PDB file of N, CA and C in Angstrom:
ATOM      1  N   UNK A   1      37.052  18.184 -74.275  1.00  0.00           N
ATOM      2  CA  UNK A   1      35.923  17.576 -73.840  1.00  0.00           C
ATOM      3  C   UNK A   1      36.128  17.894 -72.549  1.00  0.00           C
ATOM      4  N   UNK A   2      36.969  17.385 -71.757  1.00  0.00           N
ATOM      5  CA  UNK A   2      36.932  17.576 -70.219  1.00  0.00           C
ATOM      6  C   UNK A   2      36.284  19.095 -69.731  1.00  0.00           C
ATOM      7  N   UNK A   3      36.223  20.037 -70.389  1.00  0.00           N
ATOM      8  CA  UNK A   3      36.056  21.236 -69.942  1.00  0.00           C
ATOM      9  C   UNK A   3      34.030  21.119 -70.183  1.00  0.00           C
ATOM     10  N   UNK A   4      33.809  20.751 -70.983  1.00  0.00           N
ATOM     11  CA  UNK A   4      32.396  20.511 -71.338  1.00  0.00           C
ATOM     12  C   UNK A   4      31.584  19.758 -70.334  1.00  0.00           C
ATOM     13  N   UNK A   5      32.112  18.611 -69.914  1.00  0.00           N
ATOM     14  CA  UNK A   5      31.695  17.663 -68.960  1.00  0.00           C
ATOM     15  C   UNK A   5      31.969  18.224 -67.901  1.00  0.00           C
ATOM     16  N   UNK A   6      32.737  19.297 -67.472  1.00  0.00           N
ATOM     17  CA  UNK A   6      33.135  20.098 -65.969  1.00  0.00           C
ATOM     18  C   UNK A   6      31.908  21.091 -66.296  1.00  0.00           C
ATOM     19  N   UNK A   7      31.987  21.748 -67.014  1.00  0.00           N
ATOM     20  CA  UNK A   7      30.248  22.642 -67.278  1.00  0.00           C
ATOM     21  C   UNK A   7      29.132  21.966 -66.941  1.00  0.00           C
ATOM     22  N   UNK A   8      28.834  21.066 -67.610  1.00  0.00           N
ATOM     23  CA  UNK A   8      27.604  20.438 -67.344  1.00  0.00           C
ATOM     24  C   UNK A   8      27.573  20.047 -65.798  1.00  0.00           C
ATOM     25  N   UNK A   9      28.723  19.308 -65.568  1.00  0.00           N
ATOM     26  CA  UNK A   9      28.465  18.836 -63.619  1.00  0.00           C
ATOM     27  C   UNK A   9      28.456  20.140 -63.132  1.00  0.00           C
ATOM     28  N   UNK A  10      29.074  20.905 -63.131  1.00  0.00           N
ATOM     29  CA  UNK A  10      28.676  22.148 -62.710  1.00  0.00           C
ATOM     30  C   UNK A  10      26.946  22.897 -62.521  1.00  0.00           C
ATOM     31  N   UNK A  11      26.419  22.756 -63.579  1.00  0.00           N
ATOM     32  CA  UNK A  11      25.309  23.108 -64.033  1.00  0.00           C
ATOM     33  C   UNK A  11      23.885  22.574 -63.229  1.00  0.00           C
ATOM     34  N   UNK A  12      24.354  20.997 -63.358  1.00  0.00           N
ATOM     35  CA  UNK A  12      23.692  19.927 -62.781  1.00  0.00           C
ATOM     36  C   UNK A  12      23.813  20.129 -61.015  1.00  0.00           C
ATOM     37  N   UNK A  13      24.963  20.439 -60.956  1.00  0.00           N
ATOM     38  CA  UNK A  13      24.917  20.801 -59.279  1.00  0.00           C
ATOM     39  C   UNK A  13      24.168  21.644 -58.656  1.00  0.00           C
ATOM     40  N   UNK A  14      24.311  23.165 -59.144  1.00  0.00           N
ATOM     41  CA  UNK A  14      23.699  23.884 -59.365  1.00  0.00           C
ATOM     42  C   UNK A  14      22.364  23.829 -59.162  1.00  0.00           C
ATOM     43  N   UNK A  15      21.745  23.477 -60.336  1.00  0.00           N
ATOM     44  CA  UNK A  15      20.190  22.866 -60.378  1.00  0.00           C
ATOM     45  C   UNK A  15      19.891  22.084 -59.345  1.00  0.00           C
ATOM     46  N   UNK A  16      20.611  21.388 -58.658  1.00  0.00           N
ATOM     47  CA  UNK A  16      20.335  20.268 -57.794  1.00  0.00           C
ATOM     48  C   UNK A  16      19.971  20.823 -56.604  1.00  0.00           C
ATOM     49  N   UNK A  17      21.386  21.705 -56.283  1.00  0.00           N
ATOM     50  CA  UNK A  17      20.905  22.845 -55.217  1.00  0.00           C
ATOM     51  C   UNK A  17      19.933  23.275 -54.695  1.00  0.00           C
ATOM     52  N   UNK A  18      19.469  24.057 -56.019  1.00  0.00           N
ATOM     53  CA  UNK A  18      18.556  24.879 -55.782  1.00  0.00           C
ATOM     54  C   UNK A  18      17.108  24.505 -55.895  1.00  0.00           C
ATOM     55  N   UNK A  19      17.204  23.175 -56.790  1.00  0.00           N
ATOM     56  CA  UNK A  19      15.791  22.335 -56.232  1.00  0.00           C
ATOM     57  C   UNK A  19      15.528  21.737 -54.631  1.00  0.00           C
ATOM     58  N   UNK A  20      16.988  21.488 -54.051  1.00  0.00           N
ATOM     59  CA  UNK A  20      17.086  21.322 -52.808  1.00  0.00           C
ATOM     60  C   UNK A  20      16.282  22.369 -52.212  1.00  0.00           C
ATOM     61  N   UNK A  21      16.767  23.518 -52.504  1.00  0.00           N
ATOM     62  CA  UNK A  21      15.857  24.433 -51.733  1.00  0.00           C
ATOM     63  C   UNK A  21      13.999  24.507 -52.152  1.00  0.00           C
ATOM     64  N   UNK A  22      13.923  24.123 -53.109  1.00  0.00           N
ATOM     65  CA  UNK A  22      12.503  24.124 -53.307  1.00  0.00           C
ATOM     66  C   UNK A  22      11.663  22.868 -52.533  1.00  0.00           C
ATOM     67  N   UNK A  23      12.603  21.831 -52.514  1.00  0.00           N
ATOM     68  CA  UNK A  23      12.191  20.487 -51.881  1.00  0.00           C
ATOM     69  C   UNK A  23      12.082  20.646 -50.305  1.00  0.00           C
ATOM     70  N   UNK A  24      12.777  21.646 -49.617  1.00  0.00           N
ATOM     71  CA  UNK A  24      12.619  22.047 -48.216  1.00  0.00           C
ATOM     72  C   UNK A  24      11.441  22.672 -47.954  1.00  0.00           C
ATOM     73  N   UNK A  25      10.571  22.987 -49.232  1.00  0.00           N
ATOM     74  CA  UNK A  25       9.766  23.887 -48.780  1.00  0.00           C
ATOM     75  C   UNK A  25       8.344  23.023 -48.935  1.00  0.00           C
ATOM     76  N   UNK A  26       8.553  21.632 -48.757  1.00  0.00           N
ATOM     77  CA  UNK A  26       7.444  20.454 -48.278  1.00  0.00           C
ATOM     78  C   UNK A  26       6.741  19.920 -49.934  1.00  0.00           C
ATOM     79  N   UNK A  27       7.897  20.866 -51.348  1.00  0.00           N
ATOM     80  CA  UNK A  27       7.372  20.285 -52.377  1.00  0.00           C
ATOM     81  C   UNK A  27       8.249  19.050 -52.779  1.00  0.00           C
ATOM     82  N   UNK A  28       7.671  17.993 -52.381  1.00  0.00           N
ATOM     83  CA  UNK A  28       8.195  16.319 -53.112  1.00  0.00           C
ATOM     84  C   UNK A  28       8.435  16.263 -54.041  1.00  0.00           C
ATOM     85  N   UNK A  29       8.017  16.532 -55.230  1.00  0.00           N
ATOM     86  CA  UNK A  29       8.560  16.408 -56.406  1.00  0.00           C
ATOM     87  C   UNK A  29       9.826  16.716 -56.614  1.00  0.00           C
ATOM     88  N   UNK A  30       9.745  18.081 -56.065  1.00  0.00           N
ATOM     89  CA  UNK A  30      11.496  18.587 -56.019  1.00  0.00           C
ATOM     90  C   UNK A  30      12.491  17.556 -55.748  1.00  0.00           C
ATOM     91  N   UNK A  31      12.206  16.345 -54.932  1.00  0.00           N
ATOM     92  CA  UNK A  31      13.242  15.598 -54.518  1.00  0.00           C
ATOM     93  C   UNK A  31      14.097  14.566 -56.062  1.00  0.00           C
ATOM     94  N   UNK A  32      13.000  14.935 -56.901  1.00  0.00           N
ATOM     95  CA  UNK A  32      13.356  14.045 -57.964  1.00  0.00           C
ATOM     96  C   UNK A  32      14.517  14.782 -58.727  1.00  0.00           C
ATOM     97  N   UNK A  33      13.743  15.595 -58.864  1.00  0.00           N
ATOM     98  CA  UNK A  33      15.247  16.915 -59.628  1.00  0.00           C
ATOM     99  C   UNK A  33      16.500  16.847 -58.820  1.00  0.00           C
ATOM    100  N   UNK A  34      16.295  16.888 -57.169  1.00  0.00           N
ATOM    101  CA  UNK A  34      17.715  16.966 -56.572  1.00  0.00           C
ATOM    102  C   UNK A  34      18.429  15.583 -56.676  1.00  0.00           C
ATOM    103  N   UNK A  35      17.741  14.481 -56.509  1.00  0.00           N
ATOM    104  CA  UNK A  35      18.265  13.481 -56.798  1.00  0.00           C
ATOM    105  C   UNK A  35      18.913  13.287 -58.337  1.00  0.00           C
ATOM    106  N   UNK A  36      18.493  13.187 -59.540  1.00  0.00           N
ATOM    107  CA  UNK A  36      18.487  13.734 -60.764  1.00  0.00           C
ATOM    108  C   UNK A  36      19.725  14.150 -60.803  1.00  0.00           C
ATOM    109  N   UNK A  37      19.798  15.862 -60.510  1.00  0.00           N
ATOM    110  CA  UNK A  37      20.786  16.609 -60.527  1.00  0.00           C
ATOM    111  C   UNK A  37      21.861  16.192 -60.104  1.00  0.00           C
ATOM    112  N   UNK A  38      22.122  15.872 -58.979  1.00  0.00           N
ATOM    113  CA  UNK A  38      23.512  15.303 -58.050  1.00  0.00           C
ATOM    114  C   UNK A  38      24.187  14.196 -58.728  1.00  0.00           C
ATOM    115  N   UNK A  39      23.328  12.971 -59.247  1.00  0.00           N
ATOM    116  CA  UNK A  39      23.654  11.761 -60.143  1.00  0.00           C
ATOM    117  C   UNK A  39      24.571  12.320 -61.138  1.00  0.00           C
ATOM    118  N   UNK A  40      23.773  13.359 -61.781  1.00  0.00           N
ATOM    119  CA  UNK A  40      24.257  13.559 -63.263  1.00  0.00           C
ATOM    120  C   UNK A  40      25.318  14.542 -63.094  1.00  0.00           C
ATOM    121  N   UNK A  41      25.158  15.186 -61.978  1.00  0.00           N
ATOM    122  CA  UNK A  41      26.852  16.073 -61.667  1.00  0.00           C
ATOM    123  C   UNK A  41      28.262  14.898 -61.372  1.00  0.00           C
ATOM    124  N   UNK A  42      27.886  14.347 -60.341  1.00  0.00           N
ATOM    125  CA  UNK A  42      28.612  13.196 -60.472  1.00  0.00           C
ATOM    126  C   UNK A  42      29.407  12.536 -61.317  1.00  0.00           C
ATOM    127  N   UNK A  43      28.539  12.206 -61.951  1.00  0.00           N
ATOM    128  CA  UNK A  43      28.630  11.724 -63.516  1.00  0.00           C
ATOM    129  C   UNK A  43      29.370  12.501 -64.044  1.00  0.00           C
ATOM    130  N   UNK A  44      28.924  13.187 -64.358  1.00  0.00           N
ATOM    131  CA  UNK A  44      29.656  14.163 -65.249  1.00  0.00           C
ATOM    132  C   UNK A  44      30.962  14.813 -64.791  1.00  0.00           C
ATOM    133  N   UNK A  45      31.355  14.716 -63.618  1.00  0.00           N
ATOM    134  CA  UNK A  45      32.465  14.992 -62.949  1.00  0.00           C
ATOM    135  C   UNK A  45      33.552  13.668 -63.152  1.00  0.00           C
ATOM    136  N   UNK A  46      32.947  12.664 -63.062  1.00  0.00           N
ATOM    137  CA  UNK A  46      33.702  11.576 -63.157  1.00  0.00           C
ATOM    138  C   UNK A  46      34.301  11.458 -64.685  1.00  0.00           C
ATOM    139  N   UNK A  47      33.328  11.771 -65.689  1.00  0.00           N
ATOM    140  CA  UNK A  47      33.759  12.103 -67.302  1.00  0.00           C
ATOM    141  C   UNK A  47      34.828  13.026 -67.290  1.00  0.00           C
ATOM    142  N   UNK A  48      34.714  14.184 -66.340  1.00  0.00           N
ATOM    143  CA  UNK A  48      35.604  14.862 -66.411  1.00  0.00           C
ATOM    144  C   UNK A  48      37.152  14.619 -66.252  1.00  0.00           C
ATOM    145  N   UNK A  49      36.985  13.904 -64.898  1.00  0.00           N
ATOM    146  CA  UNK A  49      38.359  13.352 -64.659  1.00  0.00           C
ATOM    147  C   UNK A  49      38.855  12.037 -65.601  1.00  0.00           C
ATOM    148  N   UNK A  50      38.018  11.511 -66.260  1.00  0.00           N
ATOM    149  CA  UNK A  50      38.379  10.394 -67.239  1.00  0.00           C
ATOM    150  C   UNK A  50      39.016  10.920 -68.579  1.00  0.00           C
ATOM    151  N   UNK A  51      38.839  12.219 -68.501  1.00  0.00           N
ATOM    152  CA  UNK A  51      38.776  12.978 -69.840  1.00  0.00           C
ATOM    153  C   UNK A  51      40.341  13.833 -69.770  1.00  0.00           C
ATOM    154  N   UNK A  52      41.056  13.367 -68.595  1.00  0.00           N
ATOM    155  CA  UNK A  52      42.111  14.173 -67.776  1.00  0.00           C
ATOM    156  C   UNK A  52      42.958  14.864 -67.505  1.00  0.00           C
ATOM    157  N   UNK A  53      41.406  15.964 -66.654  1.00  0.00           N
ATOM    158  CA  UNK A  53      41.267  17.487 -65.952  1.00  0.00           C
ATOM    159  C   UNK A  53      42.093  16.260 -64.493  1.00  0.00           C
ATOM    160  N   UNK A  54      42.910  16.863 -63.830  1.00  0.00           N
ATOM    161  CA  UNK A  54      43.503  16.715 -62.732  1.00  0.00           C
ATOM    162  C   UNK A  54      42.318  16.846 -61.514  1.00  0.00           C
ATOM    163  N   UNK A  55      42.320  16.376 -60.790  1.00  0.00           N
ATOM    164  CA  UNK A  55      41.737  16.020 -59.659  1.00  0.00           C
ATOM    165  C   UNK A  55      41.155  17.332 -59.130  1.00  0.00           C
ATOM    166  N   UNK A  56      42.448  17.819 -58.381  1.00  0.00           N
ATOM    167  CA  UNK A  56      42.749  19.266 -57.733  1.00  0.00           C
ATOM    168  C   UNK A  56      42.154  20.332 -58.535  1.00  0.00           C
ATOM    169  N   UNK A  57      42.117  19.869 -60.045  1.00  0.00           N
ATOM    170  CA  UNK A  57      41.572  21.453 -61.118  1.00  0.00           C
ATOM    171  C   UNK A  57      40.535  21.369 -61.221  1.00  0.00           C
ATOM    172  N   UNK A  58      39.543  19.803 -61.255  1.00  0.00           N
ATOM    173  CA  UNK A  58      38.046  20.016 -61.675  1.00  0.00           C
ATOM    174  C   UNK A  58      37.815  20.120 -60.373  1.00  0.00           C
ATOM    175  N   UNK A  59      37.794  19.947 -59.129  1.00  0.00           N
ATOM    176  CA  UNK A  59      36.952  19.292 -57.703  1.00  0.00           C
ATOM    177  C   UNK A  59      37.083  20.927 -57.402  1.00  0.00           C
ATOM    178  N   UNK A  60      38.452  21.690 -57.586  1.00  0.00           N
ATOM    179  CA  UNK A  60      38.383  22.982 -57.142  1.00  0.00           C
ATOM    180  C   UNK A  60      37.408  23.717 -57.656  1.00  0.00           C
ATOM    181  N   UNK A  61      37.304  23.793 -59.185  1.00  0.00           N
ATOM    182  CA  UNK A  61      36.909  24.479 -60.286  1.00  0.00           C
ATOM    183  C   UNK A  61      34.970  24.177 -59.931  1.00  0.00           C
ATOM    184  N   UNK A  62      34.576  22.738 -59.816  1.00  0.00           N
ATOM    185  CA  UNK A  62      33.216  22.216 -59.553  1.00  0.00           C
ATOM    186  C   UNK A  62      32.817  22.898 -58.283  1.00  0.00           C
ATOM    187  N   UNK A  63      33.545  22.785 -57.355  1.00  0.00           N
ATOM    188  CA  UNK A  63      32.633  23.257 -55.794  1.00  0.00           C
ATOM    189  C   UNK A  63      32.580  24.875 -55.890  1.00  0.00           C
ATOM    190  N   UNK A  64      33.893  25.184 -56.090  1.00  0.00           N
ATOM    191  CA  UNK A  64      34.000  26.912 -55.951  1.00  0.00           C
ATOM    192  C   UNK A  64      33.062  27.469 -56.754  1.00  0.00           C
ATOM    193  N   UNK A  65      32.582  26.958 -58.314  1.00  0.00           N
ATOM    194  CA  UNK A  65      31.495  27.482 -59.217  1.00  0.00           C
ATOM    195  C   UNK A  65      30.293  27.314 -58.489  1.00  0.00           C
ATOM    196  N   UNK A  66      30.120  26.110 -58.194  1.00  0.00           N
ATOM    197  CA  UNK A  66      28.805  25.638 -57.687  1.00  0.00           C
ATOM    198  C   UNK A  66      28.474  26.922 -56.545  1.00  0.00           C
ATOM    199  N   UNK A  67      29.191  26.859 -55.754  1.00  0.00           N
ATOM    200  CA  UNK A  67      28.776  28.059 -54.675  1.00  0.00           C
ATOM    201  C   UNK A  67      28.576  29.462 -55.051  1.00  0.00           C
ATOM    202  N   UNK A  68      29.459  29.330 -55.514  1.00  0.00           N
ATOM    203  CA  UNK A  68      29.440  31.298 -56.293  1.00  0.00           C
ATOM    204  C   UNK A  68      28.152  31.287 -57.194  1.00  0.00           C
ATOM    205  N   UNK A  69      27.775  30.376 -57.870  1.00  0.00           N
ATOM    206  CA  UNK A  69      26.618  30.524 -58.808  1.00  0.00           C
ATOM    207  C   UNK A  69      25.094  30.477 -57.901  1.00  0.00           C
ATOM    208  N   UNK A  70      25.364  29.458 -57.091  1.00  0.00           N
ATOM    209  CA  UNK A  70      24.252  29.273 -56.192  1.00  0.00           C
ATOM    210  C   UNK A  70      24.216  30.684 -55.449  1.00  0.00           C
ATOM    211  N   UNK A  71      24.841  31.243 -54.439  1.00  0.00           N
ATOM    212  CA  UNK A  71      24.891  31.925 -53.870  1.00  0.00           C
ATOM    213  C   UNK A  71      24.121  33.094 -54.665  1.00  0.00           C
ATOM    214  N   UNK A  72      24.534  33.189 -56.102  1.00  0.00           N
ATOM    215  CA  UNK A  72      23.610  34.572 -56.648  1.00  0.00           C
ATOM    216  C   UNK A  72      22.850  34.369 -57.597  1.00  0.00           C
ATOM    217  N   UNK A  73      22.414  33.238 -57.717  1.00  0.00           N
ATOM    218  CA  UNK A  73      21.045  32.479 -58.473  1.00  0.00           C
ATOM    219  C   UNK A  73      20.030  31.990 -56.978  1.00  0.00           C
ATOM    220  N   UNK A  74      20.148  32.041 -56.189  1.00  0.00           N
ATOM    221  CA  UNK A  74      19.602  32.239 -54.567  1.00  0.00           C
ATOM    222  C   UNK A  74      18.705  33.711 -54.840  1.00  0.00           C
ATOM    223  N   UNK A  75      19.615  34.846 -54.126  1.00  0.00           N
ATOM    224  CA  UNK A  75      19.378  35.843 -54.838  1.00  0.00           C
ATOM    225  C   UNK A  75      18.323  36.255 -55.570  1.00  0.00           C
ATOM    226  N   UNK A  76      18.404  35.689 -57.142  1.00  0.00           N
ATOM    227  CA  UNK A  76      17.476  36.158 -58.013  1.00  0.00           C
ATOM    228  C   UNK A  76      16.137  35.404 -57.708  1.00  0.00           C
ATOM    229  N   UNK A  77      16.612  34.168 -57.541  1.00  0.00           N
ATOM    230  CA  UNK A  77      15.065  33.182 -57.410  1.00  0.00           C
ATOM    231  C   UNK A  77      14.515  33.355 -56.294  1.00  0.00           C
ATOM    232  N   UNK A  78      15.298  33.270 -54.999  1.00  0.00           N
ATOM    233  CA  UNK A  78      14.359  33.063 -54.107  1.00  0.00           C
ATOM    234  C   UNK A  78      14.796  34.222 -53.085  1.00  0.00           C
ATOM    235  N   UNK A  79      15.128  35.361 -53.723  1.00  0.00           N
ATOM    236  CA  UNK A  79      15.209  36.548 -52.545  1.00  0.00           C
ATOM    237  C   UNK A  79      16.034  36.519 -51.795  1.00  0.00           C
ATOM    238  N   UNK A  80      16.899  35.714 -51.666  1.00  0.00           N
ATOM    239  CA  UNK A  80      18.062  35.811 -50.713  1.00  0.00           C
ATOM    240  C   UNK A  80      18.888  36.385 -50.357  1.00  0.00           C
ATOM    241  N   UNK A  81      19.231  36.724 -49.093  1.00  0.00           N
ATOM    242  CA  UNK A  81      20.162  37.719 -48.836  1.00  0.00           C
ATOM    243  C   UNK A  81      21.625  37.496 -49.672  1.00  0.00           C
ATOM    244  N   UNK A  82      22.189  38.367 -50.101  1.00  0.00           N
ATOM    245  CA  UNK A  82      23.357  38.446 -50.447  1.00  0.00           C
ATOM    246  C   UNK A  82      24.274  39.911 -50.046  1.00  0.00           C
ATOM    247  N   UNK A  83      24.885  39.788 -49.363  1.00  0.00           N
ATOM    248  CA  UNK A  83      25.323  41.246 -48.563  1.00  0.00           C
ATOM    249  C   UNK A  83      27.073  41.481 -49.016  1.00  0.00           C
ATOM    250  N   UNK A  84      27.048  42.660 -49.002  1.00  0.00           N
ATOM    251  CA  UNK A  84      28.554  43.011 -49.270  1.00  0.00           C
ATOM    252  C   UNK A  84      29.706  41.862 -49.119  1.00  0.00           C
ATOM    253  N   UNK A  85      29.742  41.538 -48.185  1.00  0.00           N
ATOM    254  CA  UNK A  85      30.617  40.599 -47.457  1.00  0.00           C
ATOM    255  C   UNK A  85      30.815  39.276 -48.391  1.00  0.00           C
ATOM    256  N   UNK A  86      29.195  38.951 -48.267  1.00  0.00           N
ATOM    257  CA  UNK A  86      29.118  37.498 -49.341  1.00  0.00           C
ATOM    258  C   UNK A  86      29.893  37.877 -50.878  1.00  0.00           C
ATOM    259  N   UNK A  87      29.304  38.943 -51.030  1.00  0.00           N
ATOM    260  CA  UNK A  87      29.760  39.222 -52.970  1.00  0.00           C
ATOM    261  C   UNK A  87      31.293  39.440 -52.519  1.00  0.00           C
ATOM    262  N   UNK A  88      31.939  39.798 -51.650  1.00  0.00           N
ATOM    263  CA  UNK A  88      33.515  39.827 -51.826  1.00  0.00           C
ATOM    264  C   UNK A  88      34.093  38.372 -51.918  1.00  0.00           C
ATOM    265  N   UNK A  89      33.437  37.757 -50.823  1.00  0.00           N
ATOM    266  CA  UNK A  89      33.464  36.069 -50.947  1.00  0.00           C
ATOM    267  C   UNK A  89      33.456  35.661 -52.322  1.00  0.00           C
ATOM    268  N   UNK A  90      32.515  35.772 -52.758  1.00  0.00           N
ATOM    269  CA  UNK A  90      32.319  35.133 -54.411  1.00  0.00           C
ATOM    270  C   UNK A  90      33.388  35.507 -55.454  1.00  0.00           C
ATOM    271  N   UNK A  91      33.823  36.948 -55.557  1.00  0.00           N
ATOM    272  CA  UNK A  91      35.042  37.571 -56.088  1.00  0.00           C
ATOM    273  C   UNK A  91      36.297  36.544 -55.451  1.00  0.00           C
ATOM    274  N   UNK A  92      36.284  36.609 -54.243  1.00  0.00           N
ATOM    275  CA  UNK A  92      37.486  35.928 -53.838  1.00  0.00           C
ATOM    276  C   UNK A  92      37.511  34.010 -54.316  1.00  0.00           C
ATOM    277  N   UNK A  93      36.307  33.715 -54.322  1.00  0.00           N
ATOM    278  CA  UNK A  93      36.196  32.423 -54.914  1.00  0.00           C
ATOM    279  C   UNK A  93      36.643  32.311 -56.191  1.00  0.00           C
ATOM    280  N   UNK A  94      35.790  33.539 -57.200  1.00  0.00           N
ATOM    281  CA  UNK A  94      36.679  33.346 -58.661  1.00  0.00           C
ATOM    282  C   UNK A  94      37.961  33.411 -59.095  1.00  0.00           C
ATOM    283  N   UNK A  95      38.498  34.491 -58.037  1.00  0.00           N
ATOM    284  CA  UNK A  95      40.088  34.553 -57.753  1.00  0.00           C
ATOM    285  C   UNK A  95      40.776  33.400 -57.566  1.00  0.00           C
ATOM    286  N   UNK A  96      40.308  32.422 -56.324  1.00  0.00           N
ATOM    287  CA  UNK A  96      40.535  31.176 -56.383  1.00  0.00           C
ATOM    288  C   UNK A  96      40.816  30.221 -57.416  1.00  0.00           C
ATOM    289  N   UNK A  97      39.697  30.311 -58.180  1.00  0.00           N
ATOM    290  CA  UNK A  97      39.474  29.654 -59.286  1.00  0.00           C
ATOM    291  C   UNK A  97      40.458  29.715 -60.679  1.00  0.00           C
ATOM    292  N   UNK A  98      40.541  30.570 -60.892  1.00  0.00           N
ATOM    293  CA  UNK A  98      41.499  30.956 -61.715  1.00  0.00           C
ATOM    294  C   UNK A  98      43.073  30.981 -61.428  1.00  0.00           C
ATOM    295  N   UNK A  99      43.327  31.029 -60.157  1.00  0.00           N
ATOM    296  CA  UNK A  99      44.610  30.580 -59.414  1.00  0.00           C
ATOM    297  C   UNK A  99      45.091  29.382 -59.787  1.00  0.00           C
ATOM    298  N   UNK A 100      44.101  28.585 -59.373  1.00  0.00           N
ATOM    299  CA  UNK A 100      44.014  27.147 -59.489  1.00  0.00           C
ATOM    300  C   UNK A 100      44.061  26.652 -60.884  1.00  0.00           C
ATOM    301  N   UNK A 101      43.585  27.106 -61.912  1.00  0.00           N
ATOM    302  CA  UNK A 101      44.082  26.910 -63.206  1.00  0.00           C
ATOM    303  C   UNK A 101      44.903  27.406 -63.539  1.00  0.00           C
ATOM    304  N   UNK A 102      45.523  28.753 -63.402  1.00  0.00           N
ATOM    305  CA  UNK A 102      46.562  29.249 -64.161  1.00  0.00           C
ATOM    306  C   UNK A 102      47.606  28.366 -63.437  1.00  0.00           C
ATOM    307  N   UNK A 103      47.650  27.885 -62.241  1.00  0.00           N
ATOM    308  CA  UNK A 103      48.681  27.303 -61.426  1.00  0.00           C
ATOM    309  C   UNK A 103      49.041  25.757 -61.748  1.00  0.00           C
ATOM    310  N   UNK A 104      48.146  25.232 -62.578  1.00  0.00           N
ATOM    311  CA  UNK A 104      47.858  23.823 -62.748  1.00  0.00           C
ATOM    312  C   UNK A 104      49.067  23.433 -63.771  1.00  0.00           C
ATOM    313  N   UNK A 105      48.982  24.398 -65.004  1.00  0.00           N
ATOM    314  CA  UNK A 105      50.032  24.351 -65.548  1.00  0.00           C
ATOM    315  C   UNK A 105      49.867  23.078 -66.510  1.00  0.00           C
ATOM    316  N   UNK A 106      48.846  22.337 -66.788  1.00  0.00           N
ATOM    317  CA  UNK A 106      48.292  21.576 -67.189  1.00  0.00           C
ATOM    318  C   UNK A 106      47.746  21.827 -68.322  1.00  0.00           C
ATOM    319  N   UNK A 107      48.021  20.798 -69.614  1.00  0.00           N
ATOM    320  CA  UNK A 107      46.705  20.996 -70.818  1.00  0.00           C
ATOM    321  C   UNK A 107      45.730  19.978 -70.588  1.00  0.00           C
ATOM    322  N   UNK A 108      44.648  20.337 -70.734  1.00  0.00           N
ATOM    323  CA  UNK A 108      43.643  19.314 -70.645  1.00  0.00           C
ATOM    324  C   UNK A 108      42.474  19.571 -71.619  1.00  0.00           C
TER     325      UNK A 108
END
């Protein structure tokens, strides 16, 4: 169950970040999506921790996945730059997340 909560936390955090981009263009209604997204994301992260996942693992995966997905979706949705160096960084983040999970040795 902790993984479902973590996936939800990632989805809502990325949605909030993308909504923040929309809100920055002067579209005030997007501020509601920003607030709701971050509140739900942190709530789901709390549920993830309450379900037994270690903080270092949960937060590491949540933050790293959010960075990678936000960068990729910003390229797709907003036509923002995604350079070769940035793409390599995303691959490094993915590798880091895998290393955190494999190194945790915990069952959740």
